[in-house]
Amino acid sequence: MQEFTHWHPVYLSENLKEKPVSIKLNNFSIVLFRNKNKTVSALVNECPHRRMKLSEGKVEEDRIVCPYHGWKISKSGNCTIPSGGEQKSKHPKFTAFEIHGVIWIRLLESETGFPIFDIEDLHHISTVSNVINSPLEIVLDNFTETEHTSSVHALLGYDSEDLPNIEIELTTKENSVRLYNRGKQKKIPFIVRSFLDINKNDKFIDDWTTYFSPIYTVYDQYWEDSKTGEKRKNFLKIYVFFNPIDKDNTEIFAFTFMKYNKLGKFGLNLLVKPSMKYIVDLEVGLDKQMIEKIENKETSLSGQKLSKFDKALGPNRSKIKKIYYGR
């Protein structure tokens, strides 16, 4: 169960109320629930007695009660049996905690570190999740190349006529894959340019690094003056996590942060946050629609005619296999 040794974001905190919920990760069903102190726990979603879904039960004090025979299971797997006695579940045990508005889980005995969020002095814009009907590798492919931004994305990316001139630089390390993209910002409405405080000839830099414990990509997106190379004051930092639900479906969690210097705190809350949330939701939604239309979702790259924009696809697959799955 190497893949469960990594921290995964699995559920938006605000959506977990009094009733237990089930989530699926790597084809494994897990139940999340809050105890009387509102602390989150995670268990295998299967009663150790007769395999009933624990997510169909209820919570009493700090235990979840199986709806079938009334067994009460604690977060550590201790089972209180109505007919008498205690037993210890042999199921894998998870630890759970909440940060950035999301519930995260990992195997209890794992010592894998938590992903670093370098967000000091940045404004939190939004945190969203989406389920995409495609395998992990196919979804990650889309989020680690910029060629599609000319035809799929509405605002962030490059125009098709400028694609031949995009600067692309790949850097691979033991635990990461980085791809730097730089080119002329695609044509967008004046009101959007004014809002972002950029000029029509500015260069758009999409500089990202993908890590594999868990699988997530950190995007540094910003603009430069085309003549001086000076970096504009406003920029985005987006963390996208990729959770394989099963072999055919992937859930992504996108955490968006921004540095914005134009409208002050009042303008930030009234205009900037809802506007940027709309933009990010729009772009991710467009990605989802396009990915799900792919006809052949075999994850092998064999037989595909790859372009210069696809440099990360091969290294990504190698590191998914080695680091994430431990194969």
C-alpha atoms as a PDB file:
ATOM      1  CA  MET A   1       0.000   0.000   0.000  1.00  0.00           C
ATOM      2  CA  GLN A   2       2.829   2.365  -0.880  1.00  0.00           C
ATOM      3  CA  GLU A   3       0.395   4.831  -2.457  1.00  0.00           C
ATOM      4  CA  PHE A   4      -1.350   5.346   0.902  1.00  0.00           C
ATOM      5  CA  THR A   5       1.858   6.377   2.670  1.00  0.00           C
ATOM      6  CA  HIS A   6       1.560   9.834   1.059  1.00  0.00           C
ATOM      7  CA  TRP A   7      -0.670  12.632   2.353  1.00  0.00           C
ATOM      8  CA  HIS A   8      -3.727  13.050   0.115  1.00  0.00           C
ATOM      9  CA  PRO A   9      -6.341  15.817   0.146  1.00  0.00           C
ATOM     10  CA  VAL A  10      -9.607  13.896   0.009  1.00  0.00           C
ATOM     11  CA  TYR A  11     -12.583  16.032   1.039  1.00  0.00           C
ATOM     12  CA  LEU A  12     -13.553  19.664   1.524  1.00  0.00           C
ATOM     13  CA  SER A  13     -13.826  20.305   5.272  1.00  0.00           C
ATOM     14  CA  GLU A  14     -16.994  22.369   5.002  1.00  0.00           C
ATOM     15  CA  ASN A  15     -18.846  19.444   3.425  1.00  0.00           C
ATOM     16  CA  LEU A  16     -18.264  16.962   6.255  1.00  0.00           C
ATOM     17  CA  LYS A  17     -21.080  17.466   8.747  1.00  0.00           C
ATOM     18  CA  GLU A  18     -22.530  15.018  11.287  1.00  0.00           C
ATOM     19  CA  LYS A  19     -23.145  12.189   8.827  1.00  0.00           C
ATOM     20  CA  PRO A  20     -20.190   9.991   7.808  1.00  0.00           C
ATOM     21  CA  VAL A  21     -19.159  10.092   4.150  1.00  0.00           C
ATOM     22  CA  SER A  22     -17.301   7.652   1.942  1.00  0.00           C
ATOM     23  CA  ILE A  23     -14.469   8.572  -0.390  1.00  0.00           C
ATOM     24  CA  LYS A  24     -12.544   6.431  -2.821  1.00  0.00           C
ATOM     25  CA  LEU A  25      -8.788   6.521  -3.304  1.00  0.00           C
ATOM     26  CA  ASN A  26      -6.793   4.072  -5.391  1.00  0.00           C
ATOM     27  CA  ASN A  27      -9.859   1.841  -5.665  1.00  0.00           C
ATOM     28  CA  PHE A  28     -10.090   1.709  -1.865  1.00  0.00           C
ATOM     29  CA  SER A  29     -13.193   2.833   0.036  1.00  0.00           C
ATOM     30  CA  ILE A  30     -12.578   4.986   3.123  1.00  0.00           C
ATOM     31  CA  VAL A  31     -15.084   6.507   5.551  1.00  0.00           C
ATOM     32  CA  LEU A  32     -14.612   9.970   7.064  1.00  0.00           C
ATOM     33  CA  PHE A  33     -16.466  11.113  10.169  1.00  0.00           C
ATOM     34  CA  ARG A  34     -16.370  13.728  12.911  1.00  0.00           C
ATOM     35  CA  ASN A  35     -16.492  12.802  16.580  1.00  0.00           C
ATOM     36  CA  LYS A  36     -18.279  14.787  19.286  1.00  0.00           C
ATOM     37  CA  ASN A  37     -15.381  17.279  19.331  1.00  0.00           C
ATOM     38  CA  LYS A  38     -15.646  17.735  15.536  1.00  0.00           C
ATOM     39  CA  THR A  39     -12.255  16.082  15.024  1.00  0.00           C
ATOM     40  CA  VAL A  40     -11.968  14.102  11.783  1.00  0.00           C
ATOM     41  CA  SER A  41     -11.203  10.382  11.674  1.00  0.00           C
ATOM     42  CA  ALA A  42     -10.710   8.012   8.749  1.00  0.00           C
ATOM     43  CA  LEU A  43     -11.280   4.253   8.603  1.00  0.00           C
ATOM     44  CA  VAL A  44     -11.527   1.542   6.008  1.00  0.00           C
ATOM     45  CA  ASN A  45     -15.179   1.781   4.939  1.00  0.00           C
ATOM     46  CA  GLU A  46     -15.911  -1.791   5.936  1.00  0.00           C
ATOM     47  CA  CYS A  47     -17.025  -3.182   9.264  1.00  0.00           C
ATOM     48  CA  PRO A  48     -14.522  -5.851  10.397  1.00  0.00           C
ATOM     49  CA  HIS A  49     -17.498  -8.010  11.415  1.00  0.00           C
ATOM     50  CA  ARG A  50     -19.488  -8.639   8.220  1.00  0.00           C
ATOM     51  CA  ARG A  51     -18.105  -5.999   5.824  1.00  0.00           C
ATOM     52  CA  MET A  52     -21.012  -3.553   5.977  1.00  0.00           C
ATOM     53  CA  LYS A  53     -20.320  -0.012   4.733  1.00  0.00           C
ATOM     54  CA  LEU A  54     -19.578   2.035   7.835  1.00  0.00           C
ATOM     55  CA  SER A  55     -20.508   5.188   5.931  1.00  0.00           C
ATOM     56  CA  GLU A  56     -24.131   4.015   6.197  1.00  0.00           C
ATOM     57  CA  GLY A  57     -23.903   4.171   9.972  1.00  0.00           C
ATOM     58  CA  LYS A  58     -23.899   6.984  12.525  1.00  0.00           C
ATOM     59  CA  VAL A  59     -21.452   8.515  14.988  1.00  0.00           C
ATOM     60  CA  GLU A  60     -21.752   8.144  18.757  1.00  0.00           C
ATOM     61  CA  GLU A  61     -19.187   9.994  20.883  1.00  0.00           C
ATOM     62  CA  ASP A  62     -15.865   9.151  19.193  1.00  0.00           C
ATOM     63  CA  ARG A  63     -16.963   5.949  17.439  1.00  0.00           C
ATOM     64  CA  ILE A  64     -18.783   5.076  14.259  1.00  0.00           C
ATOM     65  CA  VAL A  65     -21.651   2.621  14.667  1.00  0.00           C
ATOM     66  CA  CYS A  66     -22.180  -0.065  12.051  1.00  0.00           C
ATOM     67  CA  PRO A  67     -25.834  -0.026  10.894  1.00  0.00           C
ATOM     68  CA  TYR A  68     -25.924  -3.823  10.467  1.00  0.00           C
ATOM     69  CA  HIS A  69     -25.152  -5.279  13.908  1.00  0.00           C
ATOM     70  CA  GLY A  70     -24.330  -2.210  15.960  1.00  0.00           C
ATOM     71  CA  TRP A  71     -20.594  -2.733  16.353  1.00  0.00           C
ATOM     72  CA  LYS A  72     -18.870   0.496  17.427  1.00  0.00           C
ATOM     73  CA  ILE A  73     -15.462   1.181  15.905  1.00  0.00           C
ATOM     74  CA  SER A  74     -12.998   3.814  17.111  1.00  0.00           C
ATOM     75  CA  LYS A  75     -10.479   5.645  14.916  1.00  0.00           C
ATOM     76  CA  SER A  76      -7.791   3.254  16.165  1.00  0.00           C
ATOM     77  CA  GLY A  77      -9.825   0.214  15.121  1.00  0.00           C
ATOM     78  CA  ASN A  78     -11.057  -0.853  18.554  1.00  0.00           C
ATOM     79  CA  CYS A  79     -14.439  -2.563  18.213  1.00  0.00           C
ATOM     80  CA  THR A  80     -17.069  -2.593  20.951  1.00  0.00           C
ATOM     81  CA  ILE A  81     -19.406  -5.539  20.360  1.00  0.00           C
ATOM     82  CA  PRO A  82     -23.021  -5.378  21.626  1.00  0.00           C
ATOM     83  CA  SER A  83     -22.976  -9.078  22.499  1.00  0.00           C
ATOM     84  CA  GLY A  84     -19.995  -8.441  24.735  1.00  0.00           C
ATOM     85  CA  GLY A  85     -16.288  -7.803  24.614  1.00  0.00           C
ATOM     86  CA  GLU A  86     -13.792  -5.842  22.547  1.00  0.00           C
ATOM     87  CA  GLN A  87     -11.906  -6.738  19.421  1.00  0.00           C
ATOM     88  CA  LYS A  88      -9.174  -5.058  17.414  1.00  0.00           C
ATOM     89  CA  SER A  89      -9.700  -4.523  13.698  1.00  0.00           C
ATOM     90  CA  LYS A  90      -6.941  -5.801  11.427  1.00  0.00           C
ATOM     91  CA  HIS A  91      -7.749  -3.245   8.732  1.00  0.00           C
ATOM     92  CA  PRO A  92      -5.111  -0.662   7.729  1.00  0.00           C
ATOM     93  CA  LYS A  93      -5.267   2.416   9.952  1.00  0.00           C
ATOM     94  CA  PHE A  94      -5.283   6.010   8.774  1.00  0.00           C
ATOM     95  CA  THR A  95      -4.539   9.355  10.328  1.00  0.00           C
ATOM     96  CA  ALA A  96      -6.455  12.460   9.281  1.00  0.00           C
ATOM     97  CA  PHE A  97      -6.230  16.184   9.829  1.00  0.00           C
ATOM     98  CA  GLU A  98      -7.504  19.434   8.345  1.00  0.00           C
ATOM     99  CA  ILE A  99      -5.620  22.336   6.804  1.00  0.00           C
ATOM    100  CA  HIS A 100      -6.273  24.778   3.949  1.00  0.00           C
ATOM    101  CA  GLY A 101      -9.978  23.935   4.165  1.00  0.00           C
ATOM    102  CA  VAL A 102      -9.446  20.286   3.225  1.00  0.00           C
ATOM    103  CA  ILE A 103      -9.288  16.917   5.002  1.00  0.00           C
ATOM    104  CA  TRP A 104      -6.031  15.024   4.405  1.00  0.00           C
ATOM    105  CA  ILE A 105      -5.317  11.361   5.134  1.00  0.00           C
ATOM    106  CA  ARG A 106      -2.305   9.041   5.250  1.00  0.00           C
ATOM    107  CA  LEU A 107      -1.524   5.609   6.655  1.00  0.00           C
ATOM    108  CA  LEU A 108      -1.000   5.926  10.400  1.00  0.00           C
ATOM    109  CA  GLU A 109       2.406   4.231  10.439  1.00  0.00           C
ATOM    110  CA  SER A 110       3.778   6.296   7.544  1.00  0.00           C
ATOM    111  CA  GLU A 111       6.360   9.004   8.200  1.00  0.00           C
ATOM    112  CA  THR A 112       6.047  10.757   4.838  1.00  0.00           C
ATOM    113  CA  GLY A 113       6.211  14.533   5.163  1.00  0.00           C
ATOM    114  CA  PHE A 114       3.374  16.904   4.341  1.00  0.00           C
ATOM    115  CA  PRO A 115       3.550  18.901   1.065  1.00  0.00           C
ATOM    116  CA  ILE A 116       5.050  22.356   1.564  1.00  0.00           C
ATOM    117  CA  PHE A 117       2.773  25.302   0.782  1.00  0.00           C
ATOM    118  CA  ASP A 118       4.975  28.338   0.126  1.00  0.00           C
ATOM    119  CA  ILE A 119       2.219  30.940   0.384  1.00  0.00           C
ATOM    120  CA  GLU A 120       3.489  33.609   2.762  1.00  0.00           C
ATOM    121  CA  ASP A 121       1.996  37.041   1.938  1.00  0.00           C
ATOM    122  CA  LEU A 122      -0.305  35.515  -0.698  1.00  0.00           C
ATOM    123  CA  HIS A 123      -4.106  35.829  -0.734  1.00  0.00           C
ATOM    124  CA  HIS A 124      -6.148  32.634  -0.749  1.00  0.00           C
ATOM    125  CA  ILE A 125      -8.527  32.774  -3.710  1.00  0.00           C
ATOM    126  CA  SER A 126     -10.261  29.410  -3.741  1.00  0.00           C
ATOM    127  CA  THR A 127     -10.063  25.688  -3.099  1.00  0.00           C
ATOM    128  CA  VAL A 128     -12.042  23.433  -5.422  1.00  0.00           C
ATOM    129  CA  SER A 129     -12.242  19.749  -6.291  1.00  0.00           C
ATOM    130  CA  ASN A 130     -13.262  18.077  -9.529  1.00  0.00           C
ATOM    131  CA  VAL A 131     -13.648  14.456 -10.578  1.00  0.00           C
ATOM    132  CA  ILE A 132     -12.415  13.794 -14.109  1.00  0.00           C
ATOM    133  CA  ASN A 133     -13.443  10.656 -15.962  1.00  0.00           C
ATOM    134  CA  SER A 134      -9.924   9.722 -17.079  1.00  0.00           C
ATOM    135  CA  PRO A 135      -6.904   7.836 -15.701  1.00  0.00           C
ATOM    136  CA  LEU A 136      -4.337   9.627 -13.554  1.00  0.00           C
ATOM    137  CA  GLU A 137      -1.657   9.785 -16.250  1.00  0.00           C
ATOM    138  CA  ILE A 138      -4.021  11.236 -18.864  1.00  0.00           C
ATOM    139  CA  VAL A 139      -5.204  13.943 -16.475  1.00  0.00           C
ATOM    140  CA  LEU A 140      -1.664  14.831 -15.422  1.00  0.00           C
ATOM    141  CA  ASP A 141      -0.631  14.988 -19.098  1.00  0.00           C
ATOM    142  CA  ASN A 142      -3.117  17.793 -19.674  1.00  0.00           C
ATOM    143  CA  PHE A 143      -1.964  19.773 -16.656  1.00  0.00           C
ATOM    144  CA  THR A 144       1.719  19.518 -17.582  1.00  0.00           C
ATOM    145  CA  GLU A 145       1.725  20.893 -21.120  1.00  0.00           C
ATOM    146  CA  THR A 146       0.696  24.309 -22.450  1.00  0.00           C
ATOM    147  CA  GLU A 147       0.073  23.557 -26.130  1.00  0.00           C
ATOM    148  CA  HIS A 148      -3.628  23.028 -25.446  1.00  0.00           C
ATOM    149  CA  THR A 149      -4.030  26.502 -23.902  1.00  0.00           C
ATOM    150  CA  SER A 150      -4.306  28.032 -27.375  1.00  0.00           C
ATOM    151  CA  SER A 151      -7.450  26.063 -28.234  1.00  0.00           C
ATOM    152  CA  VAL A 152      -8.931  25.071 -24.867  1.00  0.00           C
ATOM    153  CA  HIS A 153      -8.291  27.866 -22.383  1.00  0.00           C
ATOM    154  CA  ALA A 154     -10.201  31.113 -22.408  1.00  0.00           C
ATOM    155  CA  LEU A 155      -7.748  33.467 -20.701  1.00  0.00           C
ATOM    156  CA  LEU A 156      -4.491  31.948 -19.477  1.00  0.00           C
ATOM    157  CA  GLY A 157      -2.002  30.665 -22.033  1.00  0.00           C
ATOM    158  CA  TYR A 158      -0.779  31.307 -25.562  1.00  0.00           C
ATOM    159  CA  ASP A 159      -2.286  31.878 -29.021  1.00  0.00           C
ATOM    160  CA  SER A 160      -1.742  29.207 -31.681  1.00  0.00           C
ATOM    161  CA  GLU A 161       0.296  31.498 -33.953  1.00  0.00           C
ATOM    162  CA  ASP A 162       2.750  32.086 -31.112  1.00  0.00           C
ATOM    163  CA  LEU A 163       3.272  28.426 -30.189  1.00  0.00           C
ATOM    164  CA  PRO A 164       6.415  28.015 -32.369  1.00  0.00           C
ATOM    165  CA  ASN A 165       8.081  30.788 -30.361  1.00  0.00           C
ATOM    166  CA  ILE A 166       7.301  29.532 -26.863  1.00  0.00           C
ATOM    167  CA  GLU A 167      10.431  28.987 -24.776  1.00  0.00           C
ATOM    168  CA  ILE A 168      10.337  25.600 -23.043  1.00  0.00           C
ATOM    169  CA  GLU A 169      12.872  24.266 -20.563  1.00  0.00           C
ATOM    170  CA  LEU A 170      12.642  20.881 -18.839  1.00  0.00           C
ATOM    171  CA  THR A 171      14.481  20.107 -15.597  1.00  0.00           C
ATOM    172  CA  THR A 172      14.235  16.686 -13.954  1.00  0.00           C
ATOM    173  CA  LYS A 173      15.451  15.846 -10.472  1.00  0.00           C
ATOM    174  CA  GLU A 174      15.210  12.720  -8.351  1.00  0.00           C
ATOM    175  CA  ASN A 175      11.811  13.636  -6.914  1.00  0.00           C
ATOM    176  CA  SER A 176      10.419  16.246  -9.312  1.00  0.00           C
ATOM    177  CA  VAL A 177       9.869  17.362 -12.889  1.00  0.00           C
ATOM    178  CA  ARG A 178       9.922  21.063 -13.739  1.00  0.00           C
ATOM    179  CA  LEU A 179       8.776  22.695 -16.981  1.00  0.00           C
ATOM    180  CA  TYR A 180       9.294  26.395 -17.681  1.00  0.00           C
ATOM    181  CA  ASN A 181       7.175  28.010 -20.432  1.00  0.00           C
ATOM    182  CA  ARG A 182       7.533  31.609 -21.631  1.00  0.00           C
ATOM    183  CA  GLY A 183       5.752  33.338 -24.498  1.00  0.00           C
ATOM    184  CA  LYS A 184       3.406  36.135 -25.476  1.00  0.00           C
ATOM    185  CA  GLN A 185       0.194  36.198 -23.439  1.00  0.00           C
ATOM    186  CA  LYS A 186      -2.766  35.138 -25.589  1.00  0.00           C
ATOM    187  CA  LYS A 187      -5.245  37.808 -26.617  1.00  0.00           C
ATOM    188  CA  ILE A 188      -7.715  38.564 -23.835  1.00  0.00           C
ATOM    189  CA  PRO A 189     -10.294  41.355 -23.360  1.00  0.00           C
ATOM    190  CA  PHE A 190      -9.035  44.765 -22.254  1.00  0.00           C
ATOM    191  CA  ILE A 191     -11.073  44.598 -19.055  1.00  0.00           C
ATOM    192  CA  VAL A 192      -9.255  41.390 -18.031  1.00  0.00           C
ATOM    193  CA  ARG A 193      -5.843  42.892 -18.851  1.00  0.00           C
ATOM    194  CA  SER A 194      -6.741  45.973 -16.826  1.00  0.00           C
ATOM    195  CA  PHE A 195      -7.906  43.826 -13.937  1.00  0.00           C
ATOM    196  CA  LEU A 196      -4.630  41.862 -13.979  1.00  0.00           C
ATOM    197  CA  ASP A 197      -2.670  45.087 -14.594  1.00  0.00           C
ATOM    198  CA  ILE A 198      -0.838  43.711 -17.642  1.00  0.00           C
ATOM    199  CA  ASN A 199      -0.247  44.933 -21.214  1.00  0.00           C
ATOM    200  CA  LYS A 200      -1.322  43.192 -24.416  1.00  0.00           C
ATOM    201  CA  ASN A 201       2.268  42.393 -25.440  1.00  0.00           C
ATOM    202  CA  ASP A 202       3.357  41.040 -22.057  1.00  0.00           C
ATOM    203  CA  LYS A 203       5.025  37.664 -21.785  1.00  0.00           C
ATOM    204  CA  PHE A 204       3.146  34.995 -19.835  1.00  0.00           C
ATOM    205  CA  ILE A 205       5.327  32.653 -17.802  1.00  0.00           C
ATOM    206  CA  ASP A 206       3.893  29.307 -16.735  1.00  0.00           C
ATOM    207  CA  ASP A 207       6.574  27.760 -14.539  1.00  0.00           C
ATOM    208  CA  TRP A 208       5.585  24.573 -12.773  1.00  0.00           C
ATOM    209  CA  THR A 209       7.099  21.716 -10.819  1.00  0.00           C
ATOM    210  CA  THR A 210       5.450  18.331 -10.330  1.00  0.00           C
ATOM    211  CA  TYR A 211       6.137  16.228  -7.242  1.00  0.00           C
ATOM    212  CA  PHE A 212       5.142  12.620  -6.646  1.00  0.00           C
ATOM    213  CA  SER A 213       4.640  12.080  -2.892  1.00  0.00           C
ATOM    214  CA  PRO A 214       1.720  12.689  -3.304  1.00  0.00           C
ATOM    215  CA  ILE A 215       1.263  13.667  -6.950  1.00  0.00           C
ATOM    216  CA  TYR A 216       0.840  17.416  -7.235  1.00  0.00           C
ATOM    217  CA  THR A 217       1.966  20.304  -9.409  1.00  0.00           C
ATOM    218  CA  VAL A 218       2.875  23.779  -8.188  1.00  0.00           C
ATOM    219  CA  TYR A 219       2.274  26.502 -10.784  1.00  0.00           C
ATOM    220  CA  ASP A 220       3.967  29.896 -10.645  1.00  0.00           C
ATOM    221  CA  GLN A 221       2.109  31.999 -13.218  1.00  0.00           C
ATOM    222  CA  TYR A 222       3.127  35.591 -13.850  1.00  0.00           C
ATOM    223  CA  TRP A 223       3.714  38.212 -16.534  1.00  0.00           C
ATOM    224  CA  GLU A 224       6.761  40.145 -17.728  1.00  0.00           C
ATOM    225  CA  ASP A 225       7.127  43.400 -19.630  1.00  0.00           C
ATOM    226  CA  SER A 226       8.058  42.308 -23.164  1.00  0.00           C
ATOM    227  CA  LYS A 227      10.679  45.054 -23.522  1.00  0.00           C
ATOM    228  CA  THR A 228      12.346  45.234 -20.110  1.00  0.00           C
ATOM    229  CA  GLY A 229      11.667  41.725 -18.799  1.00  0.00           C
ATOM    230  CA  GLU A 230      10.424  43.269 -15.563  1.00  0.00           C
ATOM    231  CA  LYS A 231       8.055  41.022 -13.626  1.00  0.00           C
ATOM    232  CA  ARG A 232       4.562  42.420 -13.091  1.00  0.00           C
ATOM    233  CA  LYS A 233       3.428  42.825  -9.504  1.00  0.00           C
ATOM    234  CA  ASN A 234       0.401  40.521  -9.692  1.00  0.00           C
ATOM    235  CA  PHE A 235       0.866  36.770  -9.990  1.00  0.00           C
ATOM    236  CA  LEU A 236      -0.778  33.419  -9.310  1.00  0.00           C
ATOM    237  CA  LYS A 237       0.429  30.399  -7.380  1.00  0.00           C
ATOM    238  CA  ILE A 238      -1.701  27.294  -7.818  1.00  0.00           C
ATOM    239  CA  TYR A 239      -1.310  23.881  -6.204  1.00  0.00           C
ATOM    240  CA  VAL A 240      -3.101  21.054  -8.022  1.00  0.00           C
ATOM    241  CA  PHE A 241      -3.221  17.592  -6.417  1.00  0.00           C
ATOM    242  CA  PHE A 242      -4.074  14.490  -8.450  1.00  0.00           C
ATOM    243  CA  ASN A 243      -5.775  11.581  -6.651  1.00  0.00           C
ATOM    244  CA  PRO A 244      -6.396   8.338  -8.563  1.00  0.00           C
ATOM    245  CA  ILE A 245      -9.897   7.238  -7.583  1.00  0.00           C
ATOM    246  CA  ASP A 246      -9.575   4.073  -9.639  1.00  0.00           C
ATOM    247  CA  LYS A 247      -8.000   3.164 -12.974  1.00  0.00           C
ATOM    248  CA  ASP A 248     -10.563   5.224 -14.916  1.00  0.00           C
ATOM    249  CA  ASN A 249     -11.191   8.286 -12.732  1.00  0.00           C
ATOM    250  CA  THR A 250      -9.085  10.980 -11.088  1.00  0.00           C
ATOM    251  CA  GLU A 251      -9.987  13.643  -8.546  1.00  0.00           C
ATOM    252  CA  ILE A 252      -8.115  16.931  -8.524  1.00  0.00           C
ATOM    253  CA  PHE A 253      -7.908  19.466  -5.717  1.00  0.00           C
ATOM    254  CA  ALA A 254      -6.852  22.961  -6.799  1.00  0.00           C
ATOM    255  CA  PHE A 255      -5.654  25.499  -4.219  1.00  0.00           C
ATOM    256  CA  THR A 256      -5.327  28.960  -5.747  1.00  0.00           C
ATOM    257  CA  PHE A 257      -3.364  31.822  -4.193  1.00  0.00           C
ATOM    258  CA  MET A 258      -2.533  35.241  -5.602  1.00  0.00           C
ATOM    259  CA  LYS A 259      -0.422  38.312  -5.040  1.00  0.00           C
ATOM    260  CA  TYR A 260      -2.548  41.315  -5.952  1.00  0.00           C
ATOM    261  CA  ASN A 261      -1.481  44.913  -5.444  1.00  0.00           C
ATOM    262  CA  LYS A 262      -3.969  47.084  -7.302  1.00  0.00           C
ATOM    263  CA  LEU A 263      -7.315  47.560  -5.519  1.00  0.00           C
ATOM    264  CA  GLY A 264      -6.492  47.281  -1.821  1.00  0.00           C
ATOM    265  CA  LYS A 265      -8.072  44.964   0.733  1.00  0.00           C
ATOM    266  CA  PHE A 266     -11.636  46.089   0.011  1.00  0.00           C
ATOM    267  CA  GLY A 267     -11.233  45.552  -3.728  1.00  0.00           C
ATOM    268  CA  LEU A 268      -9.509  42.240  -3.099  1.00  0.00           C
ATOM    269  CA  ASN A 269     -12.462  40.771  -1.219  1.00  0.00           C
ATOM    270  CA  LEU A 270     -15.213  42.421  -3.245  1.00  0.00           C
ATOM    271  CA  LEU A 271     -13.857  41.962  -6.766  1.00  0.00           C
ATOM    272  CA  VAL A 272     -10.549  40.140  -7.063  1.00  0.00           C
ATOM    273  CA  LYS A 273     -11.309  36.932  -5.164  1.00  0.00           C
ATOM    274  CA  PRO A 274     -14.668  36.173  -6.827  1.00  0.00           C
ATOM    275  CA  SER A 275     -13.300  37.157 -10.253  1.00  0.00           C
ATOM    276  CA  MET A 276     -10.181  35.003  -9.981  1.00  0.00           C
ATOM    277  CA  LYS A 277     -12.201  32.115  -8.575  1.00  0.00           C
ATOM    278  CA  TYR A 278     -14.435  32.364 -11.634  1.00  0.00           C
ATOM    279  CA  ILE A 279     -11.411  32.395 -13.966  1.00  0.00           C
ATOM    280  CA  VAL A 280      -9.747  29.386 -12.321  1.00  0.00           C
ATOM    281  CA  ASP A 281     -13.020  27.428 -12.168  1.00  0.00           C
ATOM    282  CA  LEU A 282     -13.617  28.249 -15.832  1.00  0.00           C
ATOM    283  CA  GLU A 283     -10.178  27.100 -16.975  1.00  0.00           C
ATOM    284  CA  VAL A 284     -10.253  23.890 -14.918  1.00  0.00           C
ATOM    285  CA  GLY A 285     -13.768  23.168 -16.169  1.00  0.00           C
ATOM    286  CA  LEU A 286     -12.611  23.564 -19.766  1.00  0.00           C
ATOM    287  CA  ASP A 287      -9.731  21.173 -19.070  1.00  0.00           C
ATOM    288  CA  LYS A 288     -12.142  18.608 -17.617  1.00  0.00           C
ATOM    289  CA  GLN A 289     -14.470  18.810 -20.619  1.00  0.00           C
ATOM    290  CA  MET A 290     -11.638  18.302 -23.092  1.00  0.00           C
ATOM    291  CA  ILE A 291      -9.880  15.498 -21.203  1.00  0.00           C
ATOM    292  CA  GLU A 292     -13.091  13.474 -20.952  1.00  0.00           C
ATOM    293  CA  LYS A 293     -13.505  13.649 -24.743  1.00  0.00           C
ATOM    294  CA  ILE A 294     -10.246  11.790 -25.404  1.00  0.00           C
ATOM    295  CA  GLU A 295     -11.128   8.692 -27.412  1.00  0.00           C
ATOM    296  CA  ASN A 296      -8.272   6.355 -26.426  1.00  0.00           C
ATOM    297  CA  LYS A 297      -7.332   6.665 -22.771  1.00  0.00           C
ATOM    298  CA  GLU A 298      -4.586   4.070 -22.732  1.00  0.00           C
ATOM    299  CA  THR A 299      -1.848   5.486 -20.529  1.00  0.00           C
ATOM    300  CA  SER A 300       1.072   4.209 -22.592  1.00  0.00           C
ATOM    301  CA  LEU A 301       2.827   6.826 -24.739  1.00  0.00           C
ATOM    302  CA  SER A 302       3.685   4.199 -27.348  1.00  0.00           C
ATOM    303  CA  GLY A 303       2.448   5.182 -30.805  1.00  0.00           C
ATOM    304  CA  GLN A 304       1.734   8.807 -29.917  1.00  0.00           C
ATOM    305  CA  LYS A 305       3.335  11.613 -31.933  1.00  0.00           C
ATOM    306  CA  LEU A 306       4.552  13.893 -29.162  1.00  0.00           C
ATOM    307  CA  SER A 307       5.522  17.554 -29.586  1.00  0.00           C
ATOM    308  CA  LYS A 308       8.074  19.771 -27.838  1.00  0.00           C
ATOM    309  CA  PHE A 309       5.355  20.667 -25.326  1.00  0.00           C
ATOM    310  CA  ASP A 310       5.116  17.045 -24.159  1.00  0.00           C
ATOM    311  CA  LYS A 311       8.604  16.813 -22.651  1.00  0.00           C
ATOM    312  CA  ALA A 312       7.319  16.108 -19.142  1.00  0.00           C
ATOM    313  CA  LEU A 313       5.003  13.216 -20.019  1.00  0.00           C
ATOM    314  CA  GLY A 314       7.650  10.480 -20.015  1.00  0.00           C
ATOM    315  CA  PRO A 315       9.471  11.589 -16.837  1.00  0.00           C
ATOM    316  CA  ASN A 316       6.110  11.999 -15.081  1.00  0.00           C
ATOM    317  CA  ARG A 317       5.174   8.390 -15.750  1.00  0.00           C
ATOM    318  CA  SER A 318       8.529   7.077 -14.558  1.00  0.00           C
ATOM    319  CA  LYS A 319       8.287   8.959 -11.265  1.00  0.00           C
ATOM    320  CA  ILE A 320       4.644   8.035 -10.695  1.00  0.00           C
ATOM    321  CA  LYS A 321       5.650   4.392 -10.934  1.00  0.00           C
ATOM    322  CA  LYS A 322       8.803   4.671  -8.816  1.00  0.00           C
ATOM    323  CA  ILE A 323       7.892   7.254  -6.155  1.00  0.00           C
ATOM    324  CA  TYR A 324       4.109   7.149  -5.840  1.00  0.00           C
ATOM    325  CA  TYR A 325       3.488   3.433  -6.329  1.00  0.00           C
ATOM    326  CA  GLY A 326       6.939   2.236  -5.231  1.00  0.00           C
ATOM    327  CA  ARG A 327       7.331  -0.195  -8.108  1.00  0.00           C
END
